[in-house]
N, C-alpha and C. Protein backbone atom coordinates (compact mmCIF):
# COMPACT_ATOMS: atom_id res chain seq x y z
N MET A 1 -5.98 17.50 -13.24
CA MET A 1 -5.91 17.36 -11.80
C MET A 1 -7.06 16.48 -11.34
N ALA A 2 -6.76 15.47 -10.55
CA ALA A 2 -7.78 14.56 -10.04
C ALA A 2 -8.48 15.17 -8.83
N ILE A 3 -9.76 14.88 -8.73
CA ILE A 3 -10.53 15.29 -7.56
C ILE A 3 -10.89 14.02 -6.81
N TYR A 4 -10.50 13.96 -5.55
CA TYR A 4 -10.76 12.78 -4.73
C TYR A 4 -11.97 13.01 -3.84
N ARG A 5 -12.66 11.93 -3.53
CA ARG A 5 -13.75 12.02 -2.57
C ARG A 5 -13.38 11.17 -1.36
N THR A 6 -13.86 11.54 -0.21
CA THR A 6 -13.55 10.81 1.01
C THR A 6 -14.31 9.49 1.03
N LEU A 7 -13.57 8.39 1.23
CA LEU A 7 -14.20 7.08 1.37
C LEU A 7 -14.50 6.80 2.84
N TYR A 8 -13.55 7.09 3.69
CA TYR A 8 -13.73 6.95 5.13
C TYR A 8 -12.54 7.61 5.82
N TYR A 9 -12.64 7.81 7.12
CA TYR A 9 -11.53 8.37 7.89
C TYR A 9 -11.58 7.79 9.28
N THR A 10 -10.48 7.94 10.00
CA THR A 10 -10.39 7.45 11.36
C THR A 10 -9.44 8.34 12.14
N ASP A 11 -9.48 8.25 13.45
CA ASP A 11 -8.55 8.99 14.30
C ASP A 11 -7.35 8.10 14.59
N VAL A 12 -6.18 8.70 14.63
CA VAL A 12 -4.96 7.99 15.01
C VAL A 12 -4.26 8.80 16.08
N SER A 13 -3.45 8.13 16.89
CA SER A 13 -2.70 8.81 17.94
C SER A 13 -1.27 9.06 17.48
N VAL A 14 -0.69 10.11 17.99
CA VAL A 14 0.72 10.41 17.74
C VAL A 14 1.50 9.82 18.91
N GLY A 15 2.47 8.97 18.58
CA GLY A 15 3.25 8.28 19.61
C GLY A 15 4.61 8.91 19.83
N VAL A 16 5.48 8.15 20.44
CA VAL A 16 6.83 8.58 20.77
C VAL A 16 7.55 9.03 19.50
N GLY A 17 8.21 10.16 19.57
CA GLY A 17 8.97 10.67 18.42
C GLY A 17 8.11 11.11 17.26
N GLY A 18 6.81 11.33 17.48
CA GLY A 18 5.92 11.78 16.42
C GLY A 18 5.41 10.66 15.53
N ARG A 19 5.59 9.43 15.94
CA ARG A 19 5.18 8.28 15.12
C ARG A 19 3.66 8.19 15.06
N VAL A 20 3.17 7.98 13.84
CA VAL A 20 1.74 7.78 13.60
C VAL A 20 1.56 6.39 13.02
N THR A 21 0.67 5.62 13.61
CA THR A 21 0.40 4.27 13.11
C THR A 21 -0.82 4.32 12.19
N ILE A 22 -0.62 3.88 10.94
CA ILE A 22 -1.72 3.81 9.99
C ILE A 22 -2.45 2.49 10.26
N PRO A 23 -3.75 2.53 10.54
CA PRO A 23 -4.48 1.30 10.85
C PRO A 23 -4.34 0.25 9.75
N GLN A 24 -4.33 -1.01 10.17
CA GLN A 24 -4.13 -2.13 9.26
C GLN A 24 -5.10 -2.13 8.09
N ASP A 25 -6.40 -1.87 8.34
CA ASP A 25 -7.38 -1.90 7.25
C ASP A 25 -7.08 -0.83 6.20
N MET A 26 -6.60 0.35 6.63
CA MET A 26 -6.23 1.40 5.68
C MET A 26 -4.99 0.98 4.87
N ARG A 27 -4.00 0.39 5.55
CA ARG A 27 -2.80 -0.07 4.84
C ARG A 27 -3.17 -1.10 3.79
N GLU A 28 -4.07 -2.01 4.12
CA GLU A 28 -4.50 -3.02 3.15
C GLU A 28 -5.23 -2.38 1.98
N ASP A 29 -6.16 -1.47 2.26
CA ASP A 29 -6.92 -0.79 1.20
C ASP A 29 -6.01 0.00 0.27
N LEU A 30 -4.95 0.58 0.82
CA LEU A 30 -4.05 1.42 0.04
C LEU A 30 -2.86 0.66 -0.55
N GLY A 31 -2.71 -0.59 -0.16
CA GLY A 31 -1.59 -1.38 -0.67
C GLY A 31 -0.25 -0.93 -0.11
N ILE A 32 -0.25 -0.43 1.13
CA ILE A 32 0.98 0.02 1.78
C ILE A 32 1.59 -1.17 2.51
N ASP A 33 2.85 -1.46 2.18
CA ASP A 33 3.56 -2.57 2.81
C ASP A 33 4.74 -2.05 3.62
N GLU A 34 5.22 -2.88 4.54
CA GLU A 34 6.39 -2.52 5.33
C GLU A 34 7.53 -2.16 4.39
N GLY A 35 8.21 -1.05 4.70
CA GLY A 35 9.34 -0.60 3.89
C GLY A 35 8.97 0.36 2.77
N ASP A 36 7.65 0.53 2.49
CA ASP A 36 7.25 1.49 1.46
C ASP A 36 7.61 2.91 1.90
N SER A 37 7.84 3.77 0.95
CA SER A 37 8.14 5.16 1.21
C SER A 37 6.88 5.99 0.99
N LEU A 38 6.59 6.89 1.93
CA LEU A 38 5.43 7.77 1.81
C LEU A 38 5.91 9.21 1.65
N THR A 39 5.16 9.99 0.88
CA THR A 39 5.44 11.41 0.70
C THR A 39 4.42 12.20 1.52
N VAL A 40 4.86 13.23 2.21
CA VAL A 40 3.97 14.03 3.05
C VAL A 40 4.02 15.49 2.58
N ARG A 41 2.86 16.09 2.43
CA ARG A 41 2.77 17.51 2.05
C ARG A 41 1.94 18.21 3.13
N VAL A 42 2.35 19.40 3.54
CA VAL A 42 1.58 20.21 4.47
C VAL A 42 0.94 21.34 3.67
N GLU A 43 -0.38 21.45 3.78
CA GLU A 43 -1.13 22.49 3.07
C GLU A 43 -1.67 23.50 4.08
N GLU A 44 -1.84 24.73 3.63
CA GLU A 44 -2.38 25.79 4.49
C GLU A 44 -3.47 26.52 3.72
N ASN A 45 -4.60 26.76 4.39
CA ASN A 45 -5.66 27.54 3.75
C ASN A 45 -5.47 29.02 4.07
N PRO A 46 -6.20 29.91 3.42
CA PRO A 46 -6.02 31.36 3.63
C PRO A 46 -6.24 31.82 5.08
N ARG A 47 -6.98 31.03 5.88
CA ARG A 47 -7.24 31.41 7.27
C ARG A 47 -6.23 30.80 8.23
N GLY A 48 -5.21 30.13 7.71
CA GLY A 48 -4.16 29.59 8.57
C GLY A 48 -4.33 28.15 9.00
N GLY A 49 -5.45 27.52 8.63
CA GLY A 49 -5.65 26.11 8.95
C GLY A 49 -4.68 25.25 8.16
N ARG A 50 -4.15 24.23 8.78
CA ARG A 50 -3.17 23.37 8.11
C ARG A 50 -3.62 21.92 8.16
N GLN A 51 -3.19 21.17 7.15
CA GLN A 51 -3.46 19.74 7.09
C GLN A 51 -2.30 19.03 6.42
N MET A 52 -2.17 17.74 6.75
CA MET A 52 -1.15 16.89 6.11
C MET A 52 -1.84 16.03 5.07
N VAL A 53 -1.20 15.88 3.94
CA VAL A 53 -1.65 14.97 2.91
C VAL A 53 -0.51 13.98 2.70
N ILE A 54 -0.83 12.70 2.76
CA ILE A 54 0.20 11.65 2.67
C ILE A 54 -0.17 10.70 1.54
N TRP A 55 0.81 10.36 0.74
CA TRP A 55 0.59 9.36 -0.30
C TRP A 55 1.82 8.49 -0.47
N ARG A 56 1.61 7.32 -1.06
CA ARG A 56 2.70 6.39 -1.28
C ARG A 56 3.51 6.89 -2.48
N ALA A 57 4.82 6.96 -2.29
CA ALA A 57 5.71 7.39 -3.37
C ALA A 57 5.67 6.34 -4.48
N GLU A 58 5.94 6.78 -5.70
CA GLU A 58 5.99 5.86 -6.83
C GLU A 58 7.08 4.83 -6.62
N GLN A 59 6.78 3.60 -6.91
CA GLN A 59 7.76 2.52 -6.81
C GLN A 59 8.66 2.56 -8.05
N GLN A 60 9.96 2.43 -7.85
CA GLN A 60 10.88 2.38 -8.97
C GLN A 60 11.25 0.93 -9.24
N GLU A 61 11.22 0.55 -10.50
CA GLU A 61 11.65 -0.79 -10.88
C GLU A 61 13.16 -0.87 -10.76
N GLU A 62 13.68 -2.07 -10.53
CA GLU A 62 15.12 -2.25 -10.46
C GLU A 62 15.74 -1.79 -11.77
N GLY A 63 16.84 -1.01 -11.66
CA GLY A 63 17.52 -0.52 -12.85
C GLY A 63 17.05 0.85 -13.28
N GLU A 64 15.88 1.32 -12.78
CA GLU A 64 15.40 2.67 -13.09
C GLU A 64 16.07 3.68 -12.20
N GLU A 65 16.21 4.91 -12.69
CA GLU A 65 16.76 6.00 -11.88
C GLU A 65 15.90 7.21 -12.00
């Protein structure tokens, strides 16, 4: 299991329909391009606090299933 450290963070606003805009600099750092698929996980701690964890789904090569 990998342990990640925080590089930086920023605040984002939730827009119409729950849309969240990922800032351009973060998209560039993460290599997220238009049309990429992201996976979202909701975690809960024992005291009821919740957080979202988002990552880019694995890219499938053409012909892979």
